Amino acid sequence: MSAEAARDFAQRWLPAWTGNNPERLVEFYSDDTFYLDPGAPAGISGKPALLEYFRRLLRYNPNWVWTQIEAIPLEDGFLNKWRADIPVGAEVLSIVGVCFVQLNAAGKIKRNEVYFDRTELLAKIAARRE
């Protein structure tokens, strides 16, 4: 995949992470997708299970905004360097991370692995609960 094609894909896909519309987001994923992030370190297989996970995740984070910083082309996909602006109370945390995105022949995500340090985010969430 070229860097330009990865940017084009990310311009459509990343906005779907905002606004608590998990049904819209999951449409970017294949039926046999595999997804992994720090909240699901063992991974999630299949679109139905991923939709349930996205429903919980987006319900708690309806106003976060994801922006691509850089796309690094890989065979059948790209490494996506991103910034997430995540509201936590009156504060907005800006977190930088990466994710591996692999697409199938139909252009759907068949593998998405997300990596970032969530130490600051978890500390802010814990402080709000105290």
Protein backbone atom coordinates (compact mmCIF):
# COMPACT_ATOMS: atom_id res chain seq x y z
CA MET A 1 0.00 0.00 0.00
CA SER A 2 1.33 3.44 -0.81
CA ALA A 3 1.60 6.24 1.74
CA GLU A 4 -1.01 8.20 -0.23
CA ALA A 5 -3.48 5.29 -0.20
CA ALA A 6 -2.88 4.85 3.55
CA ARG A 7 -3.57 8.56 4.14
CA ASP A 8 -6.76 8.33 2.07
CA PHE A 9 -7.94 5.29 4.04
CA ALA A 10 -7.12 6.95 7.38
CA GLN A 11 -9.04 10.10 6.38
CA ARG A 12 -12.17 7.96 6.10
CA TRP A 13 -11.49 5.53 8.97
CA LEU A 14 -10.13 7.67 11.82
CA PRO A 15 -13.18 10.01 12.01
CA ALA A 16 -15.34 6.92 12.62
CA TRP A 17 -13.64 6.58 16.02
CA THR A 18 -15.36 9.82 17.15
CA GLY A 19 -19.03 10.25 18.00
CA ASN A 20 -20.10 6.93 19.57
CA ASN A 21 -21.18 5.20 16.36
CA PRO A 22 -19.66 1.72 16.68
CA GLU A 23 -21.77 0.37 13.80
CA ARG A 24 -20.12 2.89 11.45
CA LEU A 25 -16.64 2.07 12.77
CA VAL A 26 -16.99 -1.71 12.52
CA GLU A 27 -17.92 -1.42 8.83
CA PHE A 28 -14.23 -0.72 8.13
CA TYR A 29 -13.38 -4.23 9.43
CA SER A 30 -13.67 -7.63 7.74
CA ASP A 31 -15.92 -10.38 9.09
CA ASP A 32 -12.84 -12.38 10.16
CA THR A 33 -10.92 -9.42 11.57
CA PHE A 34 -8.44 -9.58 14.43
CA TYR A 35 -8.12 -6.52 16.69
CA LEU A 36 -5.81 -5.89 19.63
CA ASP A 37 -5.24 -2.85 21.86
CA PRO A 38 -4.08 -2.25 25.46
CA GLY A 39 -7.65 -2.75 26.69
CA ALA A 40 -7.91 -6.09 24.86
CA PRO A 41 -4.35 -7.45 25.02
CA ALA A 42 -5.40 -11.00 24.11
CA GLY A 43 -7.11 -9.65 21.02
CA ILE A 44 -10.61 -9.89 19.63
CA SER A 45 -11.50 -12.13 16.70
CA GLY A 46 -14.43 -11.59 14.39
CA LYS A 47 -16.67 -8.65 13.58
CA PRO A 48 -19.52 -9.49 16.04
CA ALA A 49 -17.14 -9.58 19.04
CA LEU A 50 -15.39 -6.44 17.80
CA LEU A 51 -18.71 -4.60 17.52
CA GLU A 52 -19.50 -5.41 21.17
CA TYR A 53 -16.07 -4.15 22.22
CA PHE A 54 -16.46 -0.96 20.16
CA ARG A 55 -19.88 -0.34 21.70
CA ARG A 56 -18.35 -0.29 25.19
CA LEU A 57 -15.21 1.61 24.14
CA LEU A 58 -16.92 4.37 22.19
CA ARG A 59 -19.68 4.80 24.78
CA TYR A 60 -17.00 5.85 27.28
CA ASN A 61 -15.03 7.91 24.76
CA PRO A 62 -17.55 9.62 22.45
CA ASN A 63 -15.57 12.83 22.03
CA TRP A 64 -12.04 11.63 21.45
CA VAL A 65 -10.45 12.62 18.15
CA TRP A 66 -7.89 10.56 16.24
CA THR A 67 -5.49 12.15 13.74
CA GLN A 68 -2.92 10.50 11.54
CA ILE A 69 0.60 11.84 11.98
CA GLU A 70 2.30 9.57 9.48
CA ALA A 71 1.58 6.52 7.34
CA ILE A 72 4.38 4.04 6.75
CA PRO A 73 3.48 1.67 3.91
CA LEU A 74 3.59 -2.08 4.49
CA GLU A 75 2.53 -4.97 2.31
CA ASP A 76 -1.29 -5.07 2.32
CA GLY A 77 -1.49 -2.16 4.76
CA PHE A 78 0.39 0.43 6.73
CA LEU A 79 1.81 1.39 10.08
CA ASN A 80 -0.29 4.29 11.28
CA LYS A 81 1.38 6.79 13.62
CA TRP A 82 -1.44 8.72 15.24
CA ARG A 83 -2.41 11.25 17.90
CA ALA A 84 -5.52 10.82 19.99
CA ASP A 85 -6.99 13.83 21.79
CA ILE A 86 -8.93 12.28 24.66
CA PRO A 87 -11.13 14.38 26.95
CA VAL A 88 -10.82 13.40 30.62
CA GLY A 89 -13.01 15.72 32.63
CA ALA A 90 -12.11 19.32 31.80
CA GLU A 91 -8.71 18.27 30.45
CA VAL A 92 -7.77 16.89 27.03
CA LEU A 93 -4.87 14.45 26.88
CA SER A 94 -2.92 14.17 23.64
CA ILE A 95 -1.48 10.70 23.29
CA VAL A 96 0.74 9.47 20.45
CA GLY A 97 0.81 5.84 19.41
CA VAL A 98 0.99 3.49 16.48
CA CYS A 99 -1.18 0.81 14.99
CA PHE A 100 -0.60 -1.84 12.43
CA VAL A 101 -3.37 -1.98 9.80
CA GLN A 102 -3.60 -4.86 7.34
CA LEU A 103 -6.34 -4.87 4.69
CA ASN A 104 -7.95 -7.73 2.79
CA ALA A 105 -8.58 -7.74 -0.98
CA ALA A 106 -11.91 -5.94 -0.44
CA GLY A 107 -10.20 -3.06 1.40
CA LYS A 108 -11.51 -4.04 4.84
CA ILE A 109 -9.26 -4.24 7.91
CA LYS A 110 -8.34 -7.85 8.59
CA ARG A 111 -5.78 -7.07 11.31
CA ASN A 112 -5.46 -3.99 13.51
CA GLU A 113 -3.03 -3.93 16.43
CA VAL A 114 -2.89 -0.73 18.49
CA TYR A 115 0.05 0.19 20.73
CA PHE A 116 0.50 3.17 23.05
CA ASP A 117 1.49 4.00 26.61
CA ARG A 118 -1.73 4.56 28.52
CA THR A 119 -0.13 5.28 31.91
CA GLU A 120 -1.09 8.97 31.94
CA LEU A 121 -4.61 8.25 30.69
CA LEU A 122 -5.28 5.64 33.39
CA ALA A 123 -3.88 7.94 36.09
CA LYS A 124 -6.20 10.77 35.02
CA ILE A 125 -9.20 8.45 34.94
CA ALA A 126 -8.37 7.06 38.39
CA ALA A 127 -7.95 10.58 39.80
CA ARG A 128 -11.41 11.53 38.52
CA ARG A 129 -12.95 8.54 40.31
CA GLU A 130 -11.45 9.48 43.69
